[in-house]
C-alpha atoms as a PDB file:
ATOM      1  CA  UNK A   1       0.000   0.000   0.000  1.00  0.00           C
ATOM      2  CA  UNK A   2       1.368   3.418  -0.888  1.00  0.00           C
ATOM      3  CA  UNK A   3       0.411   6.642   0.805  1.00  0.00           C
ATOM      4  CA  UNK A   4       1.487  10.225   0.386  1.00  0.00           C
ATOM      5  CA  UNK A   5       1.759  12.955   2.999  1.00  0.00           C
ATOM      6  CA  UNK A   6      -1.719  13.983   4.080  1.00  0.00           C
ATOM      7  CA  UNK A   7      -3.255  10.593   3.290  1.00  0.00           C
ATOM      8  CA  UNK A   8      -4.428   7.988   5.797  1.00  0.00           C
ATOM      9  CA  UNK A   9      -4.864   4.282   6.348  1.00  0.00           C
ATOM     10  CA  UNK A  10      -7.832   2.931   8.277  1.00  0.00           C
ATOM     11  CA  UNK A  11      -7.641  -0.214  10.396  1.00  0.00           C
ATOM     12  CA  UNK A  12     -11.129  -1.369  11.207  1.00  0.00           C
ATOM     13  CA  UNK A  13     -13.541   1.396  12.144  1.00  0.00           C
ATOM     14  CA  UNK A  14     -11.594   2.969  15.008  1.00  0.00           C
ATOM     15  CA  UNK A  15      -7.918   3.231  14.069  1.00  0.00           C
ATOM     16  CA  UNK A  16      -6.499   5.766  11.629  1.00  0.00           C
ATOM     17  CA  UNK A  17      -2.847   6.117  10.664  1.00  0.00           C
ATOM     18  CA  UNK A  18      -2.082   9.461   9.039  1.00  0.00           C
ATOM     19  CA  UNK A  19       1.044  10.141   7.001  1.00  0.00           C
ATOM     20  CA  UNK A  20       2.036  13.551   8.350  1.00  0.00           C
ATOM     21  CA  UNK A  21       5.376  14.200   6.649  1.00  0.00           C
ATOM     22  CA  UNK A  22       7.792  12.315   4.438  1.00  0.00           C
ATOM     23  CA  UNK A  23      11.450  13.355   4.662  1.00  0.00           C
ATOM     24  CA  UNK A  24      14.644  11.946   3.200  1.00  0.00           C
ATOM     25  CA  UNK A  25      15.138   9.268   5.814  1.00  0.00           C
ATOM     26  CA  UNK A  26      12.060   9.558   8.064  1.00  0.00           C
ATOM     27  CA  UNK A  27       8.329   9.379   7.886  1.00  0.00           C
ATOM     28  CA  UNK A  28       6.215  11.108  10.534  1.00  0.00           C
ATOM     29  CA  UNK A  29       2.893   9.454  11.258  1.00  0.00           C
ATOM     30  CA  UNK A  30      -0.050  10.246  13.455  1.00  0.00           C
ATOM     31  CA  UNK A  31      -2.201   7.554  15.024  1.00  0.00           C
ATOM     32  CA  UNK A  32      -5.768   7.984  16.198  1.00  0.00           C
ATOM     33  CA  UNK A  33      -7.100   5.042  18.209  1.00  0.00           C
ATOM     34  CA  UNK A  34      -9.467   4.380  21.111  1.00  0.00           C
ATOM     35  CA  UNK A  35      -7.953   4.630  24.594  1.00  0.00           C
ATOM     36  CA  UNK A  36      -8.503   0.883  25.008  1.00  0.00           C
ATOM     37  CA  UNK A  37      -5.944   0.191  22.247  1.00  0.00           C
ATOM     38  CA  UNK A  38      -2.310   0.395  23.343  1.00  0.00           C
ATOM     39  CA  UNK A  39      -0.127   2.246  20.832  1.00  0.00           C
ATOM     40  CA  UNK A  40       3.647   2.127  21.292  1.00  0.00           C
ATOM     41  CA  UNK A  41       6.860   1.729  19.349  1.00  0.00           C
ATOM     42  CA  UNK A  42       7.956  -1.854  18.822  1.00  0.00           C
ATOM     43  CA  UNK A  43      11.456  -1.030  20.050  1.00  0.00           C
ATOM     44  CA  UNK A  44      10.074   0.108  23.417  1.00  0.00           C
ATOM     45  CA  UNK A  45       8.233  -3.187  23.860  1.00  0.00           C
ATOM     46  CA  UNK A  46      11.299  -5.230  22.878  1.00  0.00           C
ATOM     47  CA  UNK A  47      13.570  -3.369  25.324  1.00  0.00           C
ATOM     48  CA  UNK A  48      11.038  -3.930  28.099  1.00  0.00           C
ATOM     49  CA  UNK A  49      10.914  -7.659  27.338  1.00  0.00           C
ATOM     50  CA  UNK A  50      14.718  -7.855  27.271  1.00  0.00           C
ATOM     51  CA  UNK A  51      14.931  -6.056  30.620  1.00  0.00           C
ATOM     52  CA  UNK A  52      12.445  -8.457  32.211  1.00  0.00           C
ATOM     53  CA  UNK A  53      14.331 -11.455  30.864  1.00  0.00           C
ATOM     54  CA  UNK A  54      17.657 -10.088  32.154  1.00  0.00           C
ATOM     55  CA  UNK A  55      16.150  -9.381  35.585  1.00  0.00           C
ATOM     56  CA  UNK A  56      14.797 -12.926  35.805  1.00  0.00           C
ATOM     57  CA  UNK A  57      18.153 -14.431  34.839  1.00  0.00           C
ATOM     58  CA  UNK A  58      19.905 -12.248  37.383  1.00  0.00           C
ATOM     59  CA  UNK A  59      17.389 -13.272  40.046  1.00  0.00           C
ATOM     60  CA  UNK A  60      17.951 -16.984  39.355  1.00  0.00           C
ATOM     61  CA  UNK A  61      21.729 -16.526  39.536  1.00  0.00           C
ATOM     62  CA  UNK A  62      21.427 -14.562  42.785  1.00  0.00           C
ATOM     63  CA  UNK A  63      19.213 -17.235  44.328  1.00  0.00           C
ATOM     64  CA  UNK A  64      21.676 -19.978  43.339  1.00  0.00           C
ATOM     65  CA  UNK A  65      24.511 -17.979  44.877  1.00  0.00           C
ATOM     66  CA  UNK A  66      22.604 -17.517  48.140  1.00  0.00           C
ATOM     67  CA  UNK A  67      21.663 -21.206  48.229  1.00  0.00           C
ATOM     68  CA  UNK A  68      25.282 -22.256  47.727  1.00  0.00           C
ATOM     69  CA  UNK A  69      26.385 -19.962  50.562  1.00  0.00           C
ATOM     70  CA  UNK A  70      23.698 -21.405  52.844  1.00  0.00           C
ATOM     71  CA  UNK A  71      24.713 -24.985  52.041  1.00  0.00           C
ATOM     72  CA  UNK A  72      28.426 -24.242  52.517  1.00  0.00           C
ATOM     73  CA  UNK A  73      27.769 -22.395  55.739  1.00  0.00           C
ATOM     74  CA  UNK A  74      29.893 -19.601  57.247  1.00  0.00           C
ATOM     75  CA  UNK A  75      33.424 -19.509  56.002  1.00  0.00           C
ATOM     76  CA  UNK A  76      32.696 -21.332  52.761  1.00  0.00           C
ATOM     77  CA  UNK A  77      34.976 -24.315  52.784  1.00  0.00           C
ATOM     78  CA  UNK A  78      32.850 -27.294  51.995  1.00  0.00           C
ATOM     79  CA  UNK A  79      30.083 -29.635  52.723  1.00  0.00           C
END
């Protein structure tokens, strides 16, 4: 589908994507959607997912470390 500046794309009855400006390397768009529809950049969602995954991995590693220290007891040394 091709659109020029000032033209729009409709998704269903409630969502409109307007082509606001077309530059050399960027396109500015406007989005009109109901408040019940989340609108965000894909990159923001991906970074959030990566952060959650990293936090979970870190949490598992921290729990393993604490468990090993508890099993070894004070001073480390052995079982």
